[in-house]
Amino acid sequence: MDKNDVPRIINQVFVESFEIDLKELTPEKKIFEELGLDSLDIVDLVVAIQKKFNVKIRDDERIRAIRTLQDLYDYVILLGTEMSASHQ
């Protein structure tokens, strides 16, 4: 996974799954407060990200610390790095 693709792919999930305008998706946007996702939406978001990136995040406590899109980008990049390291 190229870390430069992560924001684009995540933004695509927000556009497709939650009908949020791409122009609204800036790194500093707060997922709950500014983008309007609720707890049920987060379940859908987690499922979509798991599918897009072929990662497992359901039981990862670090997901609770995510507040902004940048937090989410960084988290997915970290997961990709961890997966690469575990396959070596």
C-alpha atoms as a PDB file:
ATOM      1  CA  MET A   1       0.000   0.000   0.000  1.00  0.00           C
ATOM      2  CA  ASP A   2       1.370   3.390  -0.983  1.00  0.00           C
ATOM      3  CA  LYS A   3       0.824   5.804   1.881  1.00  0.00           C
ATOM      4  CA  ASN A   4       0.160   8.603  -0.608  1.00  0.00           C
ATOM      5  CA  ASP A   5      -2.944   6.743  -1.811  1.00  0.00           C
ATOM      6  CA  VAL A   6      -4.474   6.428   1.668  1.00  0.00           C
ATOM      7  CA  PRO A   7      -6.139   9.874   1.889  1.00  0.00           C
ATOM      8  CA  ARG A   8      -7.565   9.554  -1.625  1.00  0.00           C
ATOM      9  CA  ILE A   9      -9.017   6.109  -0.945  1.00  0.00           C
ATOM     10  CA  ILE A  10     -10.442   7.096   2.448  1.00  0.00           C
ATOM     11  CA  ASN A  11     -11.980  10.229   0.960  1.00  0.00           C
ATOM     12  CA  GLN A  12     -13.538   8.046  -1.743  1.00  0.00           C
ATOM     13  CA  VAL A  13     -15.152   5.935   1.013  1.00  0.00           C
ATOM     14  CA  PHE A  14     -16.656   9.072   2.570  1.00  0.00           C
ATOM     15  CA  VAL A  15     -18.006  10.240  -0.783  1.00  0.00           C
ATOM     16  CA  GLU A  16     -19.459   6.846  -1.750  1.00  0.00           C
ATOM     17  CA  SER A  17     -20.735   5.703   1.632  1.00  0.00           C
ATOM     18  CA  PHE A  18     -21.868   8.948   3.245  1.00  0.00           C
ATOM     19  CA  GLU A  19     -22.468  11.237   0.258  1.00  0.00           C
ATOM     20  CA  ILE A  20     -20.096  13.867   1.602  1.00  0.00           C
ATOM     21  CA  ASP A  21     -18.785  16.345  -0.956  1.00  0.00           C
ATOM     22  CA  LEU A  22     -15.118  15.765  -1.728  1.00  0.00           C
ATOM     23  CA  LYS A  23     -14.409  19.472  -1.140  1.00  0.00           C
ATOM     24  CA  GLU A  24     -15.486  18.999   2.493  1.00  0.00           C
ATOM     25  CA  LEU A  25     -12.889  16.290   3.099  1.00  0.00           C
ATOM     26  CA  THR A  26      -9.848  18.120   4.416  1.00  0.00           C
ATOM     27  CA  PRO A  27      -7.389  16.532   6.869  1.00  0.00           C
ATOM     28  CA  GLU A  28      -8.396  18.723   9.818  1.00  0.00           C
ATOM     29  CA  LYS A  29     -12.142  17.926   9.538  1.00  0.00           C
ATOM     30  CA  LYS A  30     -13.585  16.281  12.632  1.00  0.00           C
ATOM     31  CA  ILE A  31     -15.364  13.085  11.657  1.00  0.00           C
ATOM     32  CA  PHE A  32     -18.221  13.369  14.161  1.00  0.00           C
ATOM     33  CA  GLU A  33     -18.680  17.087  14.700  1.00  0.00           C
ATOM     34  CA  GLU A  34     -17.994  18.464  11.229  1.00  0.00           C
ATOM     35  CA  LEU A  35     -18.749  15.576   8.883  1.00  0.00           C
ATOM     36  CA  GLY A  36     -21.798  14.448  10.844  1.00  0.00           C
ATOM     37  CA  LEU A  37     -21.067  10.743  11.201  1.00  0.00           C
ATOM     38  CA  ASP A  38     -22.702   8.953  14.128  1.00  0.00           C
ATOM     39  CA  SER A  39     -21.869   5.689  15.874  1.00  0.00           C
ATOM     40  CA  LEU A  40     -23.751   3.591  13.324  1.00  0.00           C
ATOM     41  CA  ASP A  41     -21.930   5.333  10.481  1.00  0.00           C
ATOM     42  CA  ILE A  42     -18.625   4.494  12.138  1.00  0.00           C
ATOM     43  CA  VAL A  43     -19.431   0.790  11.915  1.00  0.00           C
ATOM     44  CA  ASP A  44     -20.009   1.217   8.175  1.00  0.00           C
ATOM     45  CA  LEU A  45     -16.799   3.242   7.886  1.00  0.00           C
ATOM     46  CA  VAL A  46     -14.752   0.563   9.649  1.00  0.00           C
ATOM     47  CA  VAL A  47     -16.179  -2.158   7.389  1.00  0.00           C
ATOM     48  CA  ALA A  48     -15.490  -0.114   4.254  1.00  0.00           C
ATOM     49  CA  ILE A  49     -11.908   0.659   5.294  1.00  0.00           C
ATOM     50  CA  GLN A  50     -11.248  -2.974   6.166  1.00  0.00           C
ATOM     51  CA  LYS A  51     -12.413  -3.972   2.683  1.00  0.00           C
ATOM     52  CA  LYS A  52     -10.536  -1.228   0.811  1.00  0.00           C
ATOM     53  CA  PHE A  53      -7.232  -1.777   2.596  1.00  0.00           C
ATOM     54  CA  ASN A  54      -7.537  -5.473   3.488  1.00  0.00           C
ATOM     55  CA  VAL A  55      -6.849  -4.728   7.165  1.00  0.00           C
ATOM     56  CA  LYS A  56      -8.463  -5.790  10.429  1.00  0.00           C
ATOM     57  CA  ILE A  57      -9.347  -2.923  12.772  1.00  0.00           C
ATOM     58  CA  ARG A  58     -12.446  -4.075  14.587  1.00  0.00           C
ATOM     59  CA  ASP A  59     -10.731  -4.995  17.864  1.00  0.00           C
ATOM     60  CA  ASP A  60      -8.056  -2.299  17.782  1.00  0.00           C
ATOM     61  CA  GLU A  61      -8.423   0.131  20.689  1.00  0.00           C
ATOM     62  CA  ARG A  62      -6.451   2.807  18.818  1.00  0.00           C
ATOM     63  CA  ILE A  63      -9.515   3.435  16.652  1.00  0.00           C
ATOM     64  CA  ARG A  64     -11.139   5.205  19.616  1.00  0.00           C
ATOM     65  CA  ALA A  65      -8.537   7.991  19.495  1.00  0.00           C
ATOM     66  CA  ILE A  66      -9.417   8.984  15.923  1.00  0.00           C
ATOM     67  CA  ARG A  67     -11.112  12.363  15.733  1.00  0.00           C
ATOM     68  CA  THR A  68     -10.083  13.924  12.401  1.00  0.00           C
ATOM     69  CA  LEU A  69      -9.586  12.688   8.875  1.00  0.00           C
ATOM     70  CA  GLN A  70      -5.825  13.129   9.356  1.00  0.00           C
ATOM     71  CA  ASP A  71      -5.997  10.834  12.404  1.00  0.00           C
ATOM     72  CA  LEU A  72      -7.730   8.258  10.218  1.00  0.00           C
ATOM     73  CA  TYR A  73      -5.195   8.624   7.392  1.00  0.00           C
ATOM     74  CA  ASP A  74      -2.305   8.216   9.843  1.00  0.00           C
ATOM     75  CA  TYR A  75      -3.927   5.212  11.490  1.00  0.00           C
ATOM     76  CA  VAL A  76      -4.463   3.360   8.198  1.00  0.00           C
ATOM     77  CA  ILE A  77      -0.895   4.144   7.116  1.00  0.00           C
ATOM     78  CA  LEU A  78       0.332   2.764  10.469  1.00  0.00           C
ATOM     79  CA  LEU A  79      -1.719  -0.403   9.980  1.00  0.00           C
ATOM     80  CA  GLY A  80      -0.198  -0.865   6.549  1.00  0.00           C
ATOM     81  CA  THR A  81       3.285  -0.438   7.994  1.00  0.00           C
ATOM     82  CA  GLU A  82       2.563  -2.952  10.759  1.00  0.00           C
ATOM     83  CA  MET A  83       1.188  -5.478   8.267  1.00  0.00           C
ATOM     84  CA  SER A  84       4.266  -5.102   6.054  1.00  0.00           C
ATOM     85  CA  ALA A  85       6.557  -5.618   9.033  1.00  0.00           C
ATOM     86  CA  SER A  86       4.680  -8.730  10.146  1.00  0.00           C
ATOM     87  CA  HIS A  87       5.022 -10.307   6.694  1.00  0.00           C
ATOM     88  CA  GLN A  88       8.825  -9.983   6.656  1.00  0.00           C
END
